[in-house]
Structures are given as C-alpha cells and as structure tokens.
C-alpha cells in the first residue's frame, strides 16, 4: 500500500476539534504529518495517510463531510 499524500485545511470552527485523533480511532488510518501550521483562524497539515485503500478513502470522505478541505498531493512536501 502506498500512503495517500494530502493537504488538509481546517476552517476556524474545526481548528480545536481533534479531527486527526478521530480519524485514527474511526478508520484505523495512520497519519504521518510532514508539515503543519495552525492558528486560531485556520490550520493546515500536509501528511501521508497510511492504511488500506478502502479505509483511507472512507477517512477522506468523512473529513470532507465534517468540513475539512482535502487536496491530494503528488509529493509529500507540497504545500
């Protein structure tokens, strides 16, 4: 399995919610955070999501449902 490389952008209402923790518990997906920047107004994380393709797909769909903007990346250090 090749990890999915993504940039996650969190709007202000989600900055304090433990979305990454929920992701791990709900979908058994392991994030490898490569870069991040978080403040009171917005946050973003560039990471690799490791897990079965089905679980990673469901995890991404769930994040989009709760309001996280997900961009798929070619290179893990893109930002």
C-alpha atoms as a PDB file:
ATOM      1  CA  UNK A   1       0.000   0.000   0.000  1.00  0.00           C
ATOM      2  CA  UNK A   2       1.261   3.445  -0.906  1.00  0.00           C
ATOM      3  CA  UNK A   3       0.174   6.120   1.572  1.00  0.00           C
ATOM      4  CA  UNK A   4      -2.176   8.813   0.272  1.00  0.00           C
ATOM      5  CA  UNK A   5      -0.457  12.199   0.317  1.00  0.00           C
ATOM      6  CA  UNK A   6      -2.848  15.002   1.258  1.00  0.00           C
ATOM      7  CA  UNK A   7      -3.070  18.583   2.416  1.00  0.00           C
ATOM      8  CA  UNK A   8      -5.808  19.057   4.990  1.00  0.00           C
ATOM      9  CA  UNK A   9      -7.137  22.580   5.552  1.00  0.00           C
ATOM     10  CA  UNK A  10      -9.196  23.174   8.690  1.00  0.00           C
ATOM     11  CA  UNK A  11     -11.581  26.150   8.951  1.00  0.00           C
ATOM     12  CA  UNK A  12     -11.684  28.093  12.225  1.00  0.00           C
ATOM     13  CA  UNK A  13     -14.602  26.068  13.627  1.00  0.00           C
ATOM     14  CA  UNK A  14     -12.555  22.844  13.320  1.00  0.00           C
ATOM     15  CA  UNK A  15      -9.141  24.097  14.498  1.00  0.00           C
ATOM     16  CA  UNK A  16      -9.733  22.961  18.092  1.00  0.00           C
ATOM     17  CA  UNK A  17     -11.532  19.699  17.222  1.00  0.00           C
ATOM     18  CA  UNK A  18      -9.281  16.591  17.429  1.00  0.00           C
ATOM     19  CA  UNK A  19     -10.035  15.551  13.838  1.00  0.00           C
ATOM     20  CA  UNK A  20      -6.774  13.633  13.392  1.00  0.00           C
ATOM     21  CA  UNK A  21      -7.386  11.676  16.601  1.00  0.00           C
ATOM     22  CA  UNK A  22     -10.920  10.872  15.478  1.00  0.00           C
ATOM     23  CA  UNK A  23      -9.546   9.775  12.098  1.00  0.00           C
ATOM     24  CA  UNK A  24      -7.174   7.279  13.730  1.00  0.00           C
ATOM     25  CA  UNK A  25      -9.869   5.834  16.012  1.00  0.00           C
ATOM     26  CA  UNK A  26     -12.679   5.667  13.469  1.00  0.00           C
ATOM     27  CA  UNK A  27     -10.809   4.373  10.434  1.00  0.00           C
ATOM     28  CA  UNK A  28      -7.573   2.770  11.681  1.00  0.00           C
ATOM     29  CA  UNK A  29      -5.605   5.093   9.390  1.00  0.00           C
ATOM     30  CA  UNK A  30      -2.140   6.223  10.462  1.00  0.00           C
ATOM     31  CA  UNK A  31      -1.214   9.829   9.568  1.00  0.00           C
ATOM     32  CA  UNK A  32       2.437  10.783   9.097  1.00  0.00           C
ATOM     33  CA  UNK A  33       2.474  14.569   9.482  1.00  0.00           C
ATOM     34  CA  UNK A  34       5.143  16.165   7.288  1.00  0.00           C
ATOM     35  CA  UNK A  35       4.320  19.874   7.660  1.00  0.00           C
ATOM     36  CA  UNK A  36       1.719  21.869   9.543  1.00  0.00           C
ATOM     37  CA  UNK A  37       0.667  25.334  10.574  1.00  0.00           C
ATOM     38  CA  UNK A  38      -2.217  26.025  12.935  1.00  0.00           C
ATOM     39  CA  UNK A  39      -3.532  29.259  14.425  1.00  0.00           C
ATOM     40  CA  UNK A  40      -6.896  30.467  15.746  1.00  0.00           C
ATOM     41  CA  UNK A  41      -8.363  31.184  12.307  1.00  0.00           C
ATOM     42  CA  UNK A  42      -7.206  28.307  10.125  1.00  0.00           C
ATOM     43  CA  UNK A  43      -4.929  25.302  10.156  1.00  0.00           C
ATOM     44  CA  UNK A  44      -3.356  23.076   7.561  1.00  0.00           C
ATOM     45  CA  UNK A  45      -1.489  19.806   7.658  1.00  0.00           C
ATOM     46  CA  UNK A  46       0.450  18.065   4.888  1.00  0.00           C
ATOM     47  CA  UNK A  47       0.548  14.367   5.676  1.00  0.00           C
ATOM     48  CA  UNK A  48       0.590  10.835   4.369  1.00  0.00           C
ATOM     49  CA  UNK A  49      -2.379   8.658   5.317  1.00  0.00           C
ATOM     50  CA  UNK A  50      -1.380   5.018   5.631  1.00  0.00           C
ATOM     51  CA  UNK A  51      -3.913   2.217   5.676  1.00  0.00           C
ATOM     52  CA  UNK A  52      -5.946   0.074   3.335  1.00  0.00           C
ATOM     53  CA  UNK A  53      -7.235   1.979   0.286  1.00  0.00           C
ATOM     54  CA  UNK A  54     -10.823   1.403   1.467  1.00  0.00           C
ATOM     55  CA  UNK A  55     -10.142   2.822   4.946  1.00  0.00           C
ATOM     56  CA  UNK A  56      -8.180   5.788   3.611  1.00  0.00           C
ATOM     57  CA  UNK A  57     -10.970   6.563   1.123  1.00  0.00           C
ATOM     58  CA  UNK A  58     -13.600   6.430   3.866  1.00  0.00           C
ATOM     59  CA  UNK A  59     -11.421   8.585   6.133  1.00  0.00           C
ATOM     60  CA  UNK A  60     -11.029  11.242   3.427  1.00  0.00           C
ATOM     61  CA  UNK A  61     -14.768  11.215   2.690  1.00  0.00           C
ATOM     62  CA  UNK A  62     -15.535  11.611   6.401  1.00  0.00           C
ATOM     63  CA  UNK A  63     -13.118  14.549   6.765  1.00  0.00           C
ATOM     64  CA  UNK A  64     -14.762  16.288   3.818  1.00  0.00           C
ATOM     65  CA  UNK A  65     -18.192  15.677   5.384  1.00  0.00           C
ATOM     66  CA  UNK A  66     -17.159  17.359   8.657  1.00  0.00           C
ATOM     67  CA  UNK A  67     -15.730  20.367   6.792  1.00  0.00           C
ATOM     68  CA  UNK A  68     -12.028  19.676   6.230  1.00  0.00           C
ATOM     69  CA  UNK A  69     -10.840  20.651   2.748  1.00  0.00           C
ATOM     70  CA  UNK A  70      -8.758  17.754   1.351  1.00  0.00           C
ATOM     71  CA  UNK A  71      -6.299  18.178  -1.535  1.00  0.00           C
ATOM     72  CA  UNK A  72      -4.474  15.125  -2.862  1.00  0.00           C
ATOM     73  CA  UNK A  73      -0.770  15.748  -3.465  1.00  0.00           C
ATOM     74  CA  UNK A  74       1.844  14.144  -5.697  1.00  0.00           C
ATOM     75  CA  UNK A  75       4.773  14.873  -3.391  1.00  0.00           C
ATOM     76  CA  UNK A  76       4.535  14.658   0.429  1.00  0.00           C
ATOM     77  CA  UNK A  77       6.251  18.014   0.987  1.00  0.00           C
ATOM     78  CA  UNK A  78       3.996  20.030  -1.332  1.00  0.00           C
ATOM     79  CA  UNK A  79       2.174  22.799   0.464  1.00  0.00           C
END
